[in-house]
PDB file of N, CA and C in Angstrom:
ATOM      1  N   MET A   1      26.563  -3.407   1.587  1.00  0.00           N
ATOM      2  CA  MET A   1      25.833  -3.790   2.757  1.00  0.00           C
ATOM      3  C   MET A   1      25.250  -5.110   2.586  1.00  0.00           C
ATOM      4  N   LYS A   2      25.339  -6.151   3.430  1.00  0.00           N
ATOM      5  CA  LYS A   2      24.900  -7.419   3.362  1.00  0.00           C
ATOM      6  C   LYS A   2      23.519  -7.560   3.924  1.00  0.00           C
ATOM      7  N   THR A   3      22.564  -8.147   3.070  1.00  0.00           N
ATOM      8  CA  THR A   3      21.109  -8.276   3.406  1.00  0.00           C
ATOM      9  C   THR A   3      20.993  -9.586   4.243  1.00  0.00           C
ATOM     10  N   ASP A   4      20.738  -9.765   5.348  1.00  0.00           N
ATOM     11  CA  ASP A   4      20.438 -11.173   6.006  1.00  0.00           C
ATOM     12  C   ASP A   4      19.069 -11.493   5.839  1.00  0.00           C
ATOM     13  N   GLU A   5      18.717 -12.802   6.205  1.00  0.00           N
ATOM     14  CA  GLU A   5      17.507 -13.533   6.115  1.00  0.00           C
ATOM     15  C   GLU A   5      16.579 -12.792   6.946  1.00  0.00           C
ATOM     16  N   THR A   6      16.699 -12.205   8.043  1.00  0.00           N
ATOM     17  CA  THR A   6      15.895 -11.476   8.713  1.00  0.00           C
ATOM     18  C   THR A   6      15.306 -10.301   8.164  1.00  0.00           C
ATOM     19  N   GLN A   7      16.210  -9.406   7.689  1.00  0.00           N
ATOM     20  CA  GLN A   7      15.661  -8.254   6.694  1.00  0.00           C
ATOM     21  C   GLN A   7      14.980  -8.696   5.605  1.00  0.00           C
ATOM     22  N   LEU A   8      15.144  -9.652   4.921  1.00  0.00           N
ATOM     23  CA  LEU A   8      14.381 -10.190   3.869  1.00  0.00           C
ATOM     24  C   LEU A   8      13.151 -10.610   4.337  1.00  0.00           C
ATOM     25  N   LYS A   9      13.083 -11.347   5.288  1.00  0.00           N
ATOM     26  CA  LYS A   9      11.718 -11.752   5.749  1.00  0.00           C
ATOM     27  C   LYS A   9      10.897 -10.602   6.346  1.00  0.00           C
ATOM     28  N   ARG A  10      11.531  -9.660   7.022  1.00  0.00           N
ATOM     29  CA  ARG A  10      10.817  -8.408   7.474  1.00  0.00           C
ATOM     30  C   ARG A  10      10.407  -7.436   6.199  1.00  0.00           C
ATOM     31  N   ALA A  11      11.349  -7.411   5.188  1.00  0.00           N
ATOM     32  CA  ALA A  11      10.816  -6.802   3.887  1.00  0.00           C
ATOM     33  C   ALA A  11       9.571  -7.389   3.363  1.00  0.00           C
ATOM     34  N   SER A  12       9.780  -8.729   3.162  1.00  0.00           N
ATOM     35  CA  SER A  12       8.462  -9.558   2.506  1.00  0.00           C
ATOM     36  C   SER A  12       7.301  -9.159   3.424  1.00  0.00           C
ATOM     37  N   ASP A  13       7.424  -9.328   4.662  1.00  0.00           N
ATOM     38  CA  ASP A  13       6.318  -9.102   5.606  1.00  0.00           C
ATOM     39  C   ASP A  13       5.699  -7.495   5.416  1.00  0.00           C
ATOM     40  N   ALA A  14       6.570  -6.821   5.266  1.00  0.00           N
ATOM     41  CA  ALA A  14       6.084  -5.264   5.088  1.00  0.00           C
ATOM     42  C   ALA A  14       5.440  -5.100   3.850  1.00  0.00           C
ATOM     43  N   ALA A  15       5.876  -5.714   2.680  1.00  0.00           N
ATOM     44  CA  ALA A  15       5.211  -5.733   1.487  1.00  0.00           C
ATOM     45  C   ALA A  15       3.905  -6.343   1.309  1.00  0.00           C
ATOM     46  N   LEU A  16       3.776  -7.582   2.324  1.00  0.00           N
ATOM     47  CA  LEU A  16       2.560  -8.379   2.356  1.00  0.00           C
ATOM     48  C   LEU A  16       1.544  -7.597   3.070  1.00  0.00           C
ATOM     49  N   THR A  17       2.038  -6.855   4.143  1.00  0.00           N
ATOM     50  CA  THR A  17       1.024  -6.307   5.026  1.00  0.00           C
ATOM     51  C   THR A  17       0.462  -5.064   4.252  1.00  0.00           C
ATOM     52  N   SER A  18       1.239  -4.530   3.512  1.00  0.00           N
ATOM     53  CA  SER A  18       0.935  -3.365   2.581  1.00  0.00           C
ATOM     54  C   SER A  18      -0.256  -3.757   1.652  1.00  0.00           C
ATOM     55  N   LEU A  19      -0.048  -4.721   0.938  1.00  0.00           N
ATOM     56  CA  LEU A  19      -0.856  -5.451   0.196  1.00  0.00           C
ATOM     57  C   LEU A  19      -2.273  -5.874   0.846  1.00  0.00           C
ATOM     58  N   LEU A  20      -2.142  -6.557   2.135  1.00  0.00           N
ATOM     59  CA  LEU A  20      -3.304  -6.784   3.018  1.00  0.00           C
ATOM     60  C   LEU A  20      -4.046  -5.633   3.373  1.00  0.00           C
ATOM     61  N   ASN A  21      -3.382  -4.480   3.660  1.00  0.00           N
ATOM     62  CA  ASN A  21      -4.142  -3.259   3.919  1.00  0.00           C
ATOM     63  C   ASN A  21      -4.963  -2.847   2.814  1.00  0.00           C
ATOM     64  N   LEU A  22      -4.523  -2.882   1.647  1.00  0.00           N
ATOM     65  CA  LEU A  22      -5.218  -2.334   0.462  1.00  0.00           C
ATOM     66  C   LEU A  22      -6.246  -3.300   0.097  1.00  0.00           C
ATOM     67  N   THR A  23      -6.183  -4.583   0.516  1.00  0.00           N
ATOM     68  CA  THR A  23      -7.285  -5.513   0.065  1.00  0.00           C
ATOM     69  C   THR A  23      -8.060  -5.980   1.167  1.00  0.00           C
ATOM     70  N   ILE A  24      -7.775  -6.807   2.013  1.00  0.00           N
ATOM     71  CA  ILE A  24      -8.901  -7.595   2.954  1.00  0.00           C
ATOM     72  C   ILE A  24      -8.717  -6.990   4.395  1.00  0.00           C
ATOM     73  N   LEU A  25      -7.635  -6.287   4.826  1.00  0.00           N
ATOM     74  CA  LEU A  25      -7.446  -5.958   6.219  1.00  0.00           C
ATOM     75  C   LEU A  25      -6.932  -4.467   6.204  1.00  0.00           C
ATOM     76  N   PRO A  26      -7.944  -3.634   5.944  1.00  0.00           N
ATOM     77  CA  PRO A  26      -7.684  -2.232   5.969  1.00  0.00           C
ATOM     78  C   PRO A  26      -7.546  -1.878   7.564  1.00  0.00           C
ATOM     79  N   VAL A  27      -6.558  -0.891   7.756  1.00  0.00           N
ATOM     80  CA  VAL A  27      -6.235  -0.500   9.127  1.00  0.00           C
ATOM     81  C   VAL A  27      -5.537  -1.314   9.867  1.00  0.00           C
ATOM     82  N   ILE A  28      -5.992  -2.638   9.956  1.00  0.00           N
ATOM     83  CA  ILE A  28      -5.247  -3.755  10.664  1.00  0.00           C
ATOM     84  C   ILE A  28      -3.898  -3.823   9.868  1.00  0.00           C
ATOM     85  N   GLY A  29      -3.882  -4.072   8.740  1.00  0.00           N
ATOM     86  CA  GLY A  29      -2.786  -4.207   7.929  1.00  0.00           C
ATOM     87  C   GLY A  29      -1.697  -2.831   8.075  1.00  0.00           C
ATOM     88  N   PHE A  30      -2.257  -1.673   8.221  1.00  0.00           N
ATOM     89  CA  PHE A  30      -1.600  -0.588   8.229  1.00  0.00           C
ATOM     90  C   PHE A  30      -0.710  -0.526   9.785  1.00  0.00           C
ATOM     91  N   ILE A  31      -1.553  -0.770  10.797  1.00  0.00           N
ATOM     92  CA  ILE A  31      -1.009  -0.895  12.014  1.00  0.00           C
ATOM     93  C   ILE A  31       0.125  -1.897  12.018  1.00  0.00           C
ATOM     94  N   ALA A  32      -0.133  -3.131  11.304  1.00  0.00           N
ATOM     95  CA  ALA A  32       1.027  -4.044  11.548  1.00  0.00           C
ATOM     96  C   ALA A  32       2.295  -3.465  10.642  1.00  0.00           C
ATOM     97  N   LEU A  33       1.951  -2.866   9.582  1.00  0.00           N
ATOM     98  CA  LEU A  33       3.094  -2.235   8.694  1.00  0.00           C
ATOM     99  C   LEU A  33       3.848  -1.223   9.534  1.00  0.00           C
ATOM    100  N   LEU A  34       3.122  -0.499  10.432  1.00  0.00           N
ATOM    101  CA  LEU A  34       4.020   0.527  11.391  1.00  0.00           C
ATOM    102  C   LEU A  34       4.742  -0.156  12.437  1.00  0.00           C
ATOM    103  N   LEU A  35       4.155  -1.314  12.884  1.00  0.00           N
ATOM    104  CA  LEU A  35       5.026  -2.126  13.866  1.00  0.00           C
ATOM    105  C   LEU A  35       6.198  -2.859  13.206  1.00  0.00           C
ATOM    106  N   ILE A  36       6.131  -3.159  12.004  1.00  0.00           N
ATOM    107  CA  ILE A  36       7.271  -3.763  11.309  1.00  0.00           C
ATOM    108  C   ILE A  36       8.298  -2.666  11.054  1.00  0.00           C
ATOM    109  N   TYR A  37       7.832  -1.383  10.572  1.00  0.00           N
ATOM    110  CA  TYR A  37       8.705  -0.349  10.445  1.00  0.00           C
ATOM    111  C   TYR A  37       9.528   0.082  11.706  1.00  0.00           C
ATOM    112  N   ARG A  38       8.821  -0.071  12.804  1.00  0.00           N
ATOM    113  CA  ARG A  38       9.663   0.134  14.146  1.00  0.00           C
ATOM    114  C   ARG A  38      10.788  -0.810  14.358  1.00  0.00           C
ATOM    115  N   LYS A  39      10.782  -1.937  13.895  1.00  0.00           N
ATOM    116  CA  LYS A  39      11.910  -2.922  14.073  1.00  0.00           C
ATOM    117  C   LYS A  39      12.963  -2.784  13.044  1.00  0.00           C
ATOM    118  N   THR A  40      12.904  -1.766  12.178  1.00  0.00           N
ATOM    119  CA  THR A  40      13.908  -1.677  11.083  1.00  0.00           C
ATOM    120  C   THR A  40      15.020  -0.679  11.511  1.00  0.00           C
ATOM    121  N   ARG A  41      15.952  -0.783  10.608  1.00  0.00           N
ATOM    122  CA  ARG A  41      17.246   0.293  11.006  1.00  0.00           C
ATOM    123  C   ARG A  41      17.365   0.998   9.554  1.00  0.00           C
ATOM    124  N   PRO A  42      17.682   2.222   9.504  1.00  0.00           N
ATOM    125  CA  PRO A  42      17.789   3.086   8.559  1.00  0.00           C
ATOM    126  C   PRO A  42      18.940   2.530   7.400  1.00  0.00           C
ATOM    127  N   GLY A  43      18.668   2.638   6.193  1.00  0.00           N
ATOM    128  CA  GLY A  43      19.552   1.947   5.140  1.00  0.00           C
ATOM    129  C   GLY A  43      19.132   0.577   4.807  1.00  0.00           C
ATOM    130  N   ASP A  44      18.530  -0.216   5.586  1.00  0.00           N
ATOM    131  CA  ASP A  44      18.368  -1.660   5.358  1.00  0.00           C
ATOM    132  C   ASP A  44      17.202  -1.832   4.474  1.00  0.00           C
ATOM    133  N   ILE A  45      17.057  -3.046   3.727  1.00  0.00           N
ATOM    134  CA  ILE A  45      16.034  -3.260   2.739  1.00  0.00           C
ATOM    135  C   ILE A  45      14.687  -3.426   3.350  1.00  0.00           C
ATOM    136  N   ASP A  46      14.703  -3.959   4.575  1.00  0.00           N
ATOM    137  CA  ASP A  46      13.355  -3.988   5.317  1.00  0.00           C
ATOM    138  C   ASP A  46      12.844  -2.513   5.544  1.00  0.00           C
ATOM    139  N   ARG A  47      13.602  -1.522   5.897  1.00  0.00           N
ATOM    140  CA  ARG A  47      13.128  -0.203   6.199  1.00  0.00           C
ATOM    141  C   ARG A  47      12.644   0.326   4.894  1.00  0.00           C
ATOM    142  N   TYR A  48      13.489   0.070   3.777  1.00  0.00           N
ATOM    143  CA  TYR A  48      12.865   0.666   2.319  1.00  0.00           C
ATOM    144  C   TYR A  48      11.523   0.049   2.073  1.00  0.00           C
ATOM    145  N   HIS A  49      11.166  -1.292   2.127  1.00  0.00           N
ATOM    146  CA  HIS A  49      10.037  -1.843   2.021  1.00  0.00           C
ATOM    147  C   HIS A  49       8.876  -1.495   2.867  1.00  0.00           C
ATOM    148  N   ALA A  50       9.309  -1.148   4.188  1.00  0.00           N
ATOM    149  CA  ALA A  50       8.222  -0.681   5.197  1.00  0.00           C
ATOM    150  C   ALA A  50       7.668   0.660   4.595  1.00  0.00           C
ATOM    151  N   LEU A  51       8.698   1.534   4.421  1.00  0.00           N
ATOM    152  CA  LEU A  51       8.506   2.833   4.084  1.00  0.00           C
ATOM    153  C   LEU A  51       7.622   2.910   2.769  1.00  0.00           C
ATOM    154  N   LEU A  52       8.096   2.259   1.891  1.00  0.00           N
ATOM    155  CA  LEU A  52       7.488   2.106   0.573  1.00  0.00           C
ATOM    156  C   LEU A  52       5.887   1.808   0.747  1.00  0.00           C
ATOM    157  N   GLY A  53       5.566   0.508   1.751  1.00  0.00           N
ATOM    158  CA  GLY A  53       4.225   0.191   1.952  1.00  0.00           C
ATOM    159  C   GLY A  53       3.502   1.307   2.598  1.00  0.00           C
ATOM    160  N   ILE A  54       4.155   2.172   3.560  1.00  0.00           N
ATOM    161  CA  ILE A  54       3.434   3.322   4.334  1.00  0.00           C
ATOM    162  C   ILE A  54       3.130   4.238   3.298  1.00  0.00           C
ATOM    163  N   GLN A  55       3.987   4.766   2.378  1.00  0.00           N
ATOM    164  CA  GLN A  55       3.723   5.611   1.470  1.00  0.00           C
ATOM    165  C   GLN A  55       2.573   5.308   0.446  1.00  0.00           C
ATOM    166  N   ILE A  56       2.633   3.990   0.030  1.00  0.00           N
ATOM    167  CA  ILE A  56       1.560   3.508  -1.023  1.00  0.00           C
ATOM    168  C   ILE A  56       0.295   3.547  -0.225  1.00  0.00           C
ATOM    169  N   ASN A  57       0.148   3.273   1.006  1.00  0.00           N
ATOM    170  CA  ASN A  57      -1.168   3.117   1.723  1.00  0.00           C
ATOM    171  C   ASN A  57      -1.606   4.477   2.036  1.00  0.00           C
ATOM    172  N   ILE A  58      -0.816   5.513   2.318  1.00  0.00           N
ATOM    173  CA  ILE A  58      -1.245   6.749   2.702  1.00  0.00           C
ATOM    174  C   ILE A  58      -1.795   7.496   1.450  1.00  0.00           C
ATOM    175  N   ILE A  59      -1.081   7.392   0.306  1.00  0.00           N
ATOM    176  CA  ILE A  59      -1.469   7.940  -0.942  1.00  0.00           C
ATOM    177  C   ILE A  59      -2.847   7.264  -1.272  1.00  0.00           C
ATOM    178  N   ALA A  60      -2.874   5.921  -1.171  1.00  0.00           N
ATOM    179  CA  ALA A  60      -4.322   5.264  -1.505  1.00  0.00           C
ATOM    180  C   ALA A  60      -5.380   5.615  -0.486  1.00  0.00           C
ATOM    181  N   ALA A  61      -5.158   5.967   0.634  1.00  0.00           N
ATOM    182  CA  ALA A  61      -6.136   6.681   1.433  1.00  0.00           C
ATOM    183  C   ALA A  61      -6.468   7.981   1.336  1.00  0.00           C
ATOM    184  N   ALA A  62      -5.551   8.812   0.816  1.00  0.00           N
ATOM    185  CA  ALA A  62      -5.945  10.070   0.416  1.00  0.00           C
ATOM    186  C   ALA A  62      -6.535  10.129  -0.634  1.00  0.00           C
ATOM    187  N   VAL A  63      -6.439   9.400  -1.677  1.00  0.00           N
ATOM    188  CA  VAL A  63      -7.198   9.206  -3.054  1.00  0.00           C
ATOM    189  C   VAL A  63      -8.607   8.659  -2.738  1.00  0.00           C
ATOM    190  N   LEU A  64      -8.817   7.704  -1.953  1.00  0.00           N
ATOM    191  CA  LEU A  64     -10.253   7.210  -1.536  1.00  0.00           C
ATOM    192  C   LEU A  64     -10.847   8.387  -0.832  1.00  0.00           C
ATOM    193  N   PHE A  65     -10.191   9.150   0.217  1.00  0.00           N
ATOM    194  CA  PHE A  65     -10.931  10.274   0.779  1.00  0.00           C
ATOM    195  C   PHE A  65     -11.228  11.257  -0.286  1.00  0.00           C
ATOM    196  N   LEU A  66     -10.462  11.649  -1.204  1.00  0.00           N
ATOM    197  CA  LEU A  66     -10.734  12.467  -2.271  1.00  0.00           C
ATOM    198  C   LEU A  66     -11.949  12.045  -3.019  1.00  0.00           C
ATOM    199  N   VAL A  67     -11.988  10.911  -3.544  1.00  0.00           N
ATOM    200  CA  VAL A  67     -13.220  10.489  -4.264  1.00  0.00           C
ATOM    201  C   VAL A  67     -14.462  10.169  -3.562  1.00  0.00           C
ATOM    202  N   SER A  68     -14.287   9.903  -2.318  1.00  0.00           N
ATOM    203  CA  SER A  68     -15.431  10.005  -1.320  1.00  0.00           C
ATOM    204  C   SER A  68     -16.078  11.433  -1.400  1.00  0.00           C
ATOM    205  N   THR A  69     -15.116  12.439  -1.185  1.00  0.00           N
ATOM    206  CA  THR A  69     -15.430  13.740  -0.995  1.00  0.00           C
ATOM    207  C   THR A  69     -16.184  14.284  -2.325  1.00  0.00           C
ATOM    208  N   LEU A  70     -15.604  13.939  -3.252  1.00  0.00           N
ATOM    209  CA  LEU A  70     -16.189  14.174  -4.524  1.00  0.00           C
ATOM    210  C   LEU A  70     -17.603  13.610  -4.824  1.00  0.00           C
ATOM    211  N   MET A  71     -17.628  12.370  -4.490  1.00  0.00           N
ATOM    212  CA  MET A  71     -18.898  11.542  -4.649  1.00  0.00           C
ATOM    213  C   MET A  71     -19.991  12.423  -3.670  1.00  0.00           C
ATOM    214  N   ILE A  72     -19.862  12.943  -2.553  1.00  0.00           N
ATOM    215  CA  ILE A  72     -20.714  13.555  -1.744  1.00  0.00           C
ATOM    216  C   ILE A  72     -21.092  15.030  -2.256  1.00  0.00           C
ATOM    217  N   LEU A  73     -20.110  15.605  -2.764  1.00  0.00           N
ATOM    218  CA  LEU A  73     -20.239  17.060  -3.307  1.00  0.00           C
ATOM    219  C   LEU A  73     -20.932  17.208  -4.539  1.00  0.00           C
ATOM    220  N   LEU A  74     -20.575  16.042  -5.314  1.00  0.00           N
ATOM    221  CA  LEU A  74     -21.396  15.943  -6.744  1.00  0.00           C
ATOM    222  C   LEU A  74     -22.715  15.344  -6.932  1.00  0.00           C
ATOM    223  N   GLY A  75     -23.083  14.835  -5.744  1.00  0.00           N
ATOM    224  CA  GLY A  75     -24.566  14.281  -5.926  1.00  0.00           C
ATOM    225  C   GLY A  75     -25.086  13.350  -4.856  1.00  0.00           C
ATOM    226  N   GLY A  76     -24.111  13.189  -3.906  1.00  0.00           N
ATOM    227  CA  GLY A  76     -24.489  12.469  -2.642  1.00  0.00           C
ATOM    228  C   GLY A  76     -24.631  11.011  -3.004  1.00  0.00           C
ATOM    229  N   PHE A  77     -25.170  10.228  -2.110  1.00  0.00           N
ATOM    230  CA  PHE A  77     -25.144   8.801  -2.305  1.00  0.00           C
ATOM    231  C   PHE A  77     -26.480   8.427  -3.102  1.00  0.00           C
ATOM    232  N   ASP A  78     -27.341   9.327  -3.111  1.00  0.00           N
ATOM    233  CA  ASP A  78     -28.532   8.908  -3.865  1.00  0.00           C
ATOM    234  C   ASP A  78     -28.606   9.046  -5.465  1.00  0.00           C
ATOM    235  N   SER A  79     -27.545   9.744  -5.656  1.00  0.00           N
ATOM    236  CA  SER A  79     -27.254  10.042  -7.308  1.00  0.00           C
ATOM    237  C   SER A  79     -26.824   8.567  -8.038  1.00  0.00           C
ATOM    238  N   PRO A  80     -27.274   8.425  -9.109  1.00  0.00           N
ATOM    239  CA  PRO A  80     -26.759   7.311  -9.728  1.00  0.00           C
ATOM    240  C   PRO A  80     -25.421   7.239 -10.297  1.00  0.00           C
ATOM    241  N   TRP A  81     -24.890   8.577 -10.177  1.00  0.00           N
ATOM    242  CA  TRP A  81     -23.508   8.703 -10.639  1.00  0.00           C
ATOM    243  C   TRP A  81     -22.560   8.340  -9.680  1.00  0.00           C
ATOM    244  N   THR A  82     -23.043   8.110  -8.407  1.00  0.00           N
ATOM    245  CA  THR A  82     -22.412   7.580  -7.381  1.00  0.00           C
ATOM    246  C   THR A  82     -21.623   6.305  -7.715  1.00  0.00           C
ATOM    247  N   TRP A  83     -22.391   5.426  -8.346  1.00  0.00           N
ATOM    248  CA  TRP A  83     -21.994   4.152  -8.712  1.00  0.00           C
ATOM    249  C   TRP A  83     -21.012   4.218  -9.784  1.00  0.00           C
ATOM    250  N   VAL A  84     -21.074   5.201 -10.538  1.00  0.00           N
ATOM    251  CA  VAL A  84     -20.169   5.462 -11.630  1.00  0.00           C
ATOM    252  C   VAL A  84     -18.806   5.768 -11.049  1.00  0.00           C
ATOM    253  N   TYR A  85     -18.682   6.594  -9.954  1.00  0.00           N
ATOM    254  CA  TYR A  85     -17.479   7.008  -9.260  1.00  0.00           C
ATOM    255  C   TYR A  85     -16.933   5.768  -8.642  1.00  0.00           C
ATOM    256  N   VAL A  86     -17.703   5.156  -7.797  1.00  0.00           N
ATOM    257  CA  VAL A  86     -17.336   3.911  -7.110  1.00  0.00           C
ATOM    258  C   VAL A  86     -16.774   2.865  -8.063  1.00  0.00           C
ATOM    259  N   ILE A  87     -17.402   2.433  -9.053  1.00  0.00           N
ATOM    260  CA  ILE A  87     -16.857   1.344 -10.050  1.00  0.00           C
ATOM    261  C   ILE A  87     -15.476   1.809 -10.665  1.00  0.00           C
ATOM    262  N   THR A  88     -15.528   3.126 -11.054  1.00  0.00           N
ATOM    263  CA  THR A  88     -14.529   3.506 -11.755  1.00  0.00           C
ATOM    264  C   THR A  88     -13.316   3.702 -10.769  1.00  0.00           C
ATOM    265  N   TYR A  89     -13.507   4.182  -9.740  1.00  0.00           N
ATOM    266  CA  TYR A  89     -12.304   4.155  -8.705  1.00  0.00           C
ATOM    267  C   TYR A  89     -11.839   2.883  -8.367  1.00  0.00           C
ATOM    268  N   PHE A  90     -12.710   1.834  -8.033  1.00  0.00           N
ATOM    269  CA  PHE A  90     -12.168   0.551  -7.838  1.00  0.00           C
ATOM    270  C   PHE A  90     -11.524  -0.344  -8.915  1.00  0.00           C
ATOM    271  N   THR A  91     -11.992  -0.167 -10.092  1.00  0.00           N
ATOM    272  CA  THR A  91     -11.542  -0.736 -11.303  1.00  0.00           C
ATOM    273  C   THR A  91     -10.233  -0.095 -11.880  1.00  0.00           C
ATOM    274  N   LEU A  92     -10.144   1.296 -11.641  1.00  0.00           N
ATOM    275  CA  LEU A  92      -8.967   1.669 -12.276  1.00  0.00           C
ATOM    276  C   LEU A  92      -8.038   2.134 -11.234  1.00  0.00           C
ATOM    277  N   VAL A  93      -8.311   3.065 -10.336  1.00  0.00           N
ATOM    278  CA  VAL A  93      -7.349   3.546  -9.387  1.00  0.00           C
ATOM    279  C   VAL A  93      -6.822   2.558  -8.324  1.00  0.00           C
ATOM    280  N   HIS A  94      -7.863   2.264  -7.559  1.00  0.00           N
ATOM    281  CA  HIS A  94      -7.434   1.104  -6.658  1.00  0.00           C
ATOM    282  C   HIS A  94      -6.650   0.085  -7.050  1.00  0.00           C
ATOM    283  N   THR A  95      -7.070  -0.513  -8.233  1.00  0.00           N
ATOM    284  CA  THR A  95      -6.233  -1.679  -8.870  1.00  0.00           C
ATOM    285  C   THR A  95      -4.775  -1.276  -8.995  1.00  0.00           C
ATOM    286  N   VAL A  96      -4.553  -0.201  -9.499  1.00  0.00           N
ATOM    287  CA  VAL A  96      -3.297   0.410  -9.580  1.00  0.00           C
ATOM    288  C   VAL A  96      -2.413   0.253  -8.395  1.00  0.00           C
ATOM    289  N   PHE A  97      -3.053   0.871  -7.271  1.00  0.00           N
ATOM    290  CA  PHE A  97      -2.352   0.613  -5.955  1.00  0.00           C
ATOM    291  C   PHE A  97      -2.164  -0.837  -5.556  1.00  0.00           C
ATOM    292  N   ILE A  98      -3.130  -1.525  -5.895  1.00  0.00           N
ATOM    293  CA  ILE A  98      -2.991  -3.162  -5.530  1.00  0.00           C
ATOM    294  C   ILE A  98      -1.596  -3.806  -6.404  1.00  0.00           C
ATOM    295  N   VAL A  99      -1.652  -3.347  -7.804  1.00  0.00           N
ATOM    296  CA  VAL A  99      -0.694  -3.817  -8.597  1.00  0.00           C
ATOM    297  C   VAL A  99       0.610  -3.425  -8.126  1.00  0.00           C
ATOM    298  N   PHE A 100       0.759  -1.999  -7.688  1.00  0.00           N
ATOM    299  CA  PHE A 100       2.113  -1.442  -7.365  1.00  0.00           C
ATOM    300  C   PHE A 100       2.586  -2.278  -5.985  1.00  0.00           C
ATOM    301  N   ALA A 101       1.703  -2.487  -5.286  1.00  0.00           N
ATOM    302  CA  ALA A 101       1.898  -3.324  -3.969  1.00  0.00           C
ATOM    303  C   ALA A 101       2.425  -4.558  -4.175  1.00  0.00           C
ATOM    304  N   LEU A 102       1.728  -5.348  -4.991  1.00  0.00           N
ATOM    305  CA  LEU A 102       2.155  -6.734  -5.588  1.00  0.00           C
ATOM    306  C   LEU A 102       3.376  -6.650  -6.077  1.00  0.00           C
ATOM    307  N   TRP A 103       3.941  -5.668  -6.897  1.00  0.00           N
ATOM    308  CA  TRP A 103       5.107  -5.517  -7.529  1.00  0.00           C
ATOM    309  C   TRP A 103       6.077  -5.383  -6.409  1.00  0.00           C
ATOM    310  N   ALA A 104       5.862  -4.551  -5.463  1.00  0.00           N
ATOM    311  CA  ALA A 104       6.844  -4.273  -4.247  1.00  0.00           C
ATOM    312  C   ALA A 104       7.103  -5.545  -3.611  1.00  0.00           C
ATOM    313  N   LEU A 105       6.018  -6.349  -3.326  1.00  0.00           N
ATOM    314  CA  LEU A 105       6.131  -7.546  -2.782  1.00  0.00           C
ATOM    315  C   LEU A 105       6.985  -8.701  -3.487  1.00  0.00           C
ATOM    316  N   VAL A 106       6.907  -8.689  -4.763  1.00  0.00           N
ATOM    317  CA  VAL A 106       7.824  -9.620  -5.657  1.00  0.00           C
ATOM    318  C   VAL A 106       9.281  -8.979  -5.414  1.00  0.00           C
ATOM    319  N   ARG A 107       9.316  -7.792  -5.414  1.00  0.00           N
ATOM    320  CA  ARG A 107      10.685  -7.156  -5.277  1.00  0.00           C
ATOM    321  C   ARG A 107      11.395  -7.484  -3.920  1.00  0.00           C
ATOM    322  N   ALA A 108      10.544  -7.460  -2.933  1.00  0.00           N
ATOM    323  CA  ALA A 108      10.967  -7.676  -1.485  1.00  0.00           C
ATOM    324  C   ALA A 108      11.230  -9.317  -1.464  1.00  0.00           C
ATOM    325  N   TRP A 109      10.664 -10.214  -2.126  1.00  0.00           N
ATOM    326  CA  TRP A 109      10.999 -11.440  -1.955  1.00  0.00           C
ATOM    327  C   TRP A 109      12.297 -11.668  -2.779  1.00  0.00           C
ATOM    328  N   SER A 110      12.723 -10.981  -3.612  1.00  0.00           N
ATOM    329  CA  SER A 110      13.947 -11.121  -4.323  1.00  0.00           C
ATOM    330  C   SER A 110      15.112 -10.366  -3.664  1.00  0.00           C
ATOM    331  N   GLY A 111      14.723  -9.460  -2.605  1.00  0.00           N
ATOM    332  CA  GLY A 111      15.725  -8.672  -1.915  1.00  0.00           C
ATOM    333  C   GLY A 111      16.120  -7.415  -2.666  1.00  0.00           C
ATOM    334  N   ASP A 112      15.270  -6.993  -3.406  1.00  0.00           N
ATOM    335  CA  ASP A 112      15.583  -5.978  -4.477  1.00  0.00           C
ATOM    336  C   ASP A 112      14.708  -4.734  -4.015  1.00  0.00           C
ATOM    337  N   LYS A 113      15.034  -3.459  -4.424  1.00  0.00           N
ATOM    338  CA  LYS A 113      14.237  -2.224  -4.469  1.00  0.00           C
ATOM    339  C   LYS A 113      13.573  -2.338  -5.672  1.00  0.00           C
ATOM    340  N   LEU A 114      12.480  -1.140  -5.815  1.00  0.00           N
ATOM    341  CA  LEU A 114      11.796  -1.168  -6.971  1.00  0.00           C
ATOM    342  C   LEU A 114      12.767  -0.482  -8.069  1.00  0.00           C
ATOM    343  N   LYS A 115      13.715   0.381  -7.673  1.00  0.00           N
ATOM    344  CA  LYS A 115      14.572   1.016  -8.597  1.00  0.00           C
ATOM    345  C   LYS A 115      15.777   0.915  -8.034  1.00  0.00           C
ATOM    346  N   GLN A 116      16.771   0.430  -8.759  1.00  0.00           N
ATOM    347  CA  GLN A 116      18.241   0.228  -8.370  1.00  0.00           C
ATOM    348  C   GLN A 116      19.017   1.756  -8.557  1.00  0.00           C
ATOM    349  N   ALA A 117      19.656   2.051  -7.451  1.00  0.00           N
ATOM    350  CA  ALA A 117      20.339   3.412  -7.463  1.00  0.00           C
ATOM    351  C   ALA A 117      21.659   3.237  -8.464  1.00  0.00           C
TER     352      ALA A 117
END
């Protein structure tokens, strides 16, 4: 299947909005990602990167929700351990999501998937 420039641009845009959602534009980036997804067709590279971005961001949101719930249950916001959880989450877990989204962006720029079938 031939990949045209529009699909590559859309794949790059999807990967970039995924990264933006994880960094500086939460929710807005996710909505933009969903709008990009609506323009794609099954089997195309842009659909692959849009779905990948959606999956990354949903998993990141679920993990953030889990960590927030654990913070509240294990000491609340007044506990000094809260900062340990927050700093550990953002330096380890959230950084992994950002690096993964960045890797997907580089692969989208080259017109490739993360894993070749």
